[in-house]
Amino acid sequence: MTDFLEETQNDELKKYTGIASDMQMDAKLRSQAIDLIGNIRTHEALLALLSLAANEKLGFNERDLSLKKARDIIKASR
């Protein structure tokens, strides 16, 4: 059962990361995808958010939101 949940989370993470980094998408949809990645709260989600924050093609707001969500994951793991 745990493998199924991890696989589902990884599939969602890939989908949301793709949306968040797709410059053809509306900025609002990219921000929503970043929020959803932050809700996953796994190490993989943290890495995805940090990768998005480093993506210079994204706007300042999306990059800043990615950092905030990454910080939330770190704080929750204390």
N, C-alpha and C. Protein backbone atom coordinates (compact mmCIF):
# COMPACT_ATOMS: atom_id res chain seq x y z
N MET A 1 0.82 -1.19 0.00
CA MET A 1 0.00 0.00 0.00
C MET A 1 0.87 1.25 0.00
N THR A 2 1.97 1.24 0.75
CA THR A 2 2.85 2.39 0.81
C THR A 2 3.47 2.68 -0.56
N ASP A 3 3.85 1.62 -1.29
CA ASP A 3 4.42 1.81 -2.62
C ASP A 3 3.43 2.50 -3.54
N PHE A 4 2.16 2.14 -3.45
CA PHE A 4 1.12 2.76 -4.27
C PHE A 4 1.01 4.24 -3.96
N LEU A 5 1.03 4.59 -2.67
CA LEU A 5 0.92 6.00 -2.27
C LEU A 5 2.14 6.80 -2.75
N GLU A 6 3.32 6.22 -2.61
CA GLU A 6 4.54 6.89 -3.07
C GLU A 6 4.51 7.08 -4.58
N GLU A 7 4.06 6.07 -5.30
CA GLU A 7 3.99 6.16 -6.75
C GLU A 7 2.98 7.22 -7.17
N THR A 8 1.85 7.29 -6.48
CA THR A 8 0.84 8.29 -6.77
C THR A 8 1.38 9.69 -6.49
N GLN A 9 2.08 9.85 -5.37
CA GLN A 9 2.67 11.15 -5.04
C GLN A 9 3.71 11.55 -6.08
N ASN A 10 4.51 10.60 -6.52
CA ASN A 10 5.53 10.91 -7.52
C ASN A 10 4.90 11.30 -8.85
N ASP A 11 3.81 10.64 -9.22
CA ASP A 11 3.10 11.00 -10.45
C ASP A 11 2.52 12.40 -10.35
N GLU A 12 1.92 12.71 -9.21
CA GLU A 12 1.37 14.05 -8.99
C GLU A 12 2.48 15.09 -9.01
N LEU A 13 3.58 14.78 -8.38
CA LEU A 13 4.71 15.70 -8.32
C LEU A 13 5.23 16.01 -9.72
N LYS A 14 5.36 14.99 -10.55
CA LYS A 14 5.81 15.20 -11.93
C LYS A 14 4.82 16.06 -12.70
N LYS A 15 3.54 15.79 -12.53
CA LYS A 15 2.51 16.55 -13.22
C LYS A 15 2.54 18.01 -12.80
N TYR A 16 2.56 18.26 -11.50
CA TYR A 16 2.55 19.63 -10.99
C TYR A 16 3.83 20.37 -11.34
N THR A 17 4.96 19.69 -11.30
CA THR A 17 6.22 20.32 -11.65
C THR A 17 6.22 20.72 -13.13
N GLY A 18 5.66 19.86 -13.96
CA GLY A 18 5.54 20.19 -15.38
C GLY A 18 4.68 21.43 -15.61
N ILE A 19 3.58 21.50 -14.90
CA ILE A 19 2.69 22.67 -15.03
C ILE A 19 3.38 23.92 -14.50
N ALA A 20 4.05 23.81 -13.36
CA ALA A 20 4.69 24.96 -12.73
C ALA A 20 5.81 25.53 -13.59
N SER A 21 6.45 24.71 -14.38
CA SER A 21 7.57 25.18 -15.19
C SER A 21 7.19 25.45 -16.65
N ASP A 22 5.93 25.24 -17.01
CA ASP A 22 5.47 25.45 -18.39
C ASP A 22 5.14 26.92 -18.61
N MET A 23 5.98 27.59 -19.36
CA MET A 23 5.80 29.02 -19.60
C MET A 23 4.59 29.32 -20.49
N GLN A 24 4.00 28.31 -21.10
CA GLN A 24 2.80 28.50 -21.89
C GLN A 24 1.55 28.59 -21.02
N MET A 25 1.69 28.15 -19.78
CA MET A 25 0.57 28.19 -18.84
C MET A 25 0.44 29.58 -18.24
N ASP A 26 -0.76 29.90 -17.81
CA ASP A 26 -1.02 31.15 -17.12
C ASP A 26 -0.27 31.17 -15.79
N ALA A 27 0.19 32.34 -15.37
CA ALA A 27 0.95 32.46 -14.12
C ALA A 27 0.14 31.98 -12.93
N LYS A 28 -1.16 32.19 -12.95
CA LYS A 28 -2.02 31.75 -11.85
C LYS A 28 -2.00 30.22 -11.74
N LEU A 29 -2.05 29.52 -12.86
CA LEU A 29 -2.01 28.06 -12.85
C LEU A 29 -0.65 27.56 -12.37
N ARG A 30 0.41 28.24 -12.79
CA ARG A 30 1.75 27.84 -12.31
C ARG A 30 1.84 28.01 -10.80
N SER A 31 1.30 29.10 -10.28
CA SER A 31 1.32 29.32 -8.83
C SER A 31 0.49 28.28 -8.09
N GLN A 32 -0.64 27.90 -8.65
CA GLN A 32 -1.46 26.86 -8.02
C GLN A 32 -0.71 25.54 -8.00
N ALA A 33 0.01 25.23 -9.07
CA ALA A 33 0.79 24.00 -9.11
C ALA A 33 1.89 24.02 -8.05
N ILE A 34 2.50 25.17 -7.86
CA ILE A 34 3.54 25.30 -6.83
C ILE A 34 2.93 25.07 -5.45
N ASP A 35 1.75 25.62 -5.21
CA ASP A 35 1.06 25.38 -3.93
C ASP A 35 0.82 23.90 -3.72
N LEU A 36 0.38 23.21 -4.77
CA LEU A 36 0.09 21.78 -4.65
C LEU A 36 1.37 20.98 -4.40
N ILE A 37 2.46 21.38 -5.02
CA ILE A 37 3.74 20.70 -4.75
C ILE A 37 4.10 20.87 -3.28
N GLY A 38 3.91 22.07 -2.76
CA GLY A 38 4.20 22.32 -1.35
C GLY A 38 3.36 21.48 -0.41
N ASN A 39 2.15 21.13 -0.84
CA ASN A 39 1.27 20.31 -0.01
C ASN A 39 1.72 18.86 0.05
N ILE A 40 2.52 18.41 -0.89
CA ILE A 40 2.98 17.02 -0.89
C ILE A 40 3.94 16.78 0.27
N ARG A 41 4.78 17.76 0.59
CA ARG A 41 5.64 17.74 1.79
C ARG A 41 6.55 16.51 1.89
N THR A 42 7.19 16.18 0.78
CA THR A 42 8.19 15.12 0.79
C THR A 42 9.54 15.72 0.41
N HIS A 43 10.59 14.94 0.58
CA HIS A 43 11.92 15.37 0.18
C HIS A 43 11.96 15.68 -1.31
N GLU A 44 11.28 14.85 -2.10
CA GLU A 44 11.24 15.05 -3.54
C GLU A 44 10.52 16.35 -3.89
N ALA A 45 9.47 16.67 -3.14
CA ALA A 45 8.74 17.93 -3.36
C ALA A 45 9.64 19.11 -3.02
N LEU A 46 10.39 18.99 -1.95
CA LEU A 46 11.33 20.04 -1.57
C LEU A 46 12.35 20.29 -2.69
N LEU A 47 12.90 19.22 -3.23
CA LEU A 47 13.87 19.36 -4.32
C LEU A 47 13.23 19.98 -5.55
N ALA A 48 11.99 19.60 -5.85
CA ALA A 48 11.29 20.17 -7.00
C ALA A 48 11.06 21.67 -6.80
N LEU A 49 10.68 22.06 -5.60
CA LEU A 49 10.46 23.48 -5.31
C LEU A 49 11.76 24.27 -5.42
N LEU A 50 12.85 23.72 -4.93
CA LEU A 50 14.14 24.40 -5.04
C LEU A 50 14.57 24.52 -6.49
N SER A 51 14.28 23.51 -7.27
CA SER A 51 14.59 23.56 -8.70
C SER A 51 13.77 24.65 -9.39
N LEU A 52 12.51 24.76 -9.03
CA LEU A 52 11.66 25.81 -9.60
C LEU A 52 12.16 27.19 -9.18
N ALA A 53 12.59 27.33 -7.94
CA ALA A 53 13.11 28.61 -7.46
C ALA A 53 14.37 29.02 -8.22
N ALA A 54 15.13 28.06 -8.68
CA ALA A 54 16.36 28.34 -9.41
C ALA A 54 16.11 28.57 -10.91
N ASN A 55 14.91 28.31 -11.37
CA ASN A 55 14.57 28.45 -12.79
C ASN A 55 14.41 29.92 -13.14
N GLU A 56 15.38 30.47 -13.83
CA GLU A 56 15.39 31.89 -14.17
C GLU A 56 14.33 32.27 -15.19
N LYS A 57 13.73 31.30 -15.84
CA LYS A 57 12.67 31.59 -16.81
C LYS A 57 11.35 31.94 -16.12
N LEU A 58 11.18 31.47 -14.89
CA LEU A 58 9.96 31.78 -14.14
C LEU A 58 10.01 33.21 -13.64
N GLY A 59 8.84 33.76 -13.41
CA GLY A 59 8.76 35.10 -12.88
C GLY A 59 9.16 35.16 -11.41
N PHE A 60 9.39 36.37 -10.95
CA PHE A 60 9.81 36.56 -9.56
C PHE A 60 8.80 35.96 -8.59
N ASN A 61 7.51 36.18 -8.83
CA ASN A 61 6.48 35.70 -7.89
C ASN A 61 6.47 34.18 -7.78
N GLU A 62 6.62 33.48 -8.91
CA GLU A 62 6.63 32.02 -8.87
C GLU A 62 7.89 31.51 -8.16
N ARG A 63 9.01 32.16 -8.42
CA ARG A 63 10.25 31.74 -7.77
C ARG A 63 10.19 32.00 -6.27
N ASP A 64 9.64 33.14 -5.89
CA ASP A 64 9.51 33.47 -4.47
C ASP A 64 8.55 32.51 -3.77
N LEU A 65 7.44 32.20 -4.43
CA LEU A 65 6.48 31.26 -3.86
C LEU A 65 7.12 29.88 -3.68
N SER A 66 7.92 29.47 -4.65
CA SER A 66 8.62 28.18 -4.54
C SER A 66 9.52 28.15 -3.31
N LEU A 67 10.24 29.23 -3.07
CA LEU A 67 11.10 29.29 -1.89
C LEU A 67 10.29 29.27 -0.60
N LYS A 68 9.18 29.98 -0.58
CA LYS A 68 8.33 29.98 0.62
C LYS A 68 7.79 28.58 0.91
N LYS A 69 7.34 27.89 -0.13
CA LYS A 69 6.81 26.54 0.07
C LYS A 69 7.91 25.57 0.49
N ALA A 70 9.11 25.75 -0.06
CA ALA A 70 10.24 24.91 0.34
C ALA A 70 10.56 25.15 1.82
N ARG A 71 10.54 26.40 2.22
CA ARG A 71 10.79 26.74 3.61
C ARG A 71 9.75 26.11 4.53
N ASP A 72 8.48 26.10 4.08
CA ASP A 72 7.42 25.48 4.88
C ASP A 72 7.67 23.99 5.08
N ILE A 73 8.15 23.33 4.04
CA ILE A 73 8.45 21.90 4.16
C ILE A 73 9.58 21.68 5.16
N ILE A 74 10.60 22.52 5.10
CA ILE A 74 11.73 22.39 6.03
C ILE A 74 11.27 22.63 7.47
N LYS A 75 10.46 23.66 7.67
CA LYS A 75 9.97 23.94 9.01
C LYS A 75 9.11 22.80 9.55
N ALA A 76 8.32 22.18 8.70
CA ALA A 76 7.44 21.09 9.13
C ALA A 76 8.22 19.84 9.50
N SER A 77 9.44 19.71 8.99
CA SER A 77 10.22 18.49 9.25
C SER A 77 11.02 18.57 10.54
N ARG A 78 10.94 19.67 11.26
CA ARG A 78 11.68 19.82 12.51
C ARG A 78 11.16 18.94 13.58
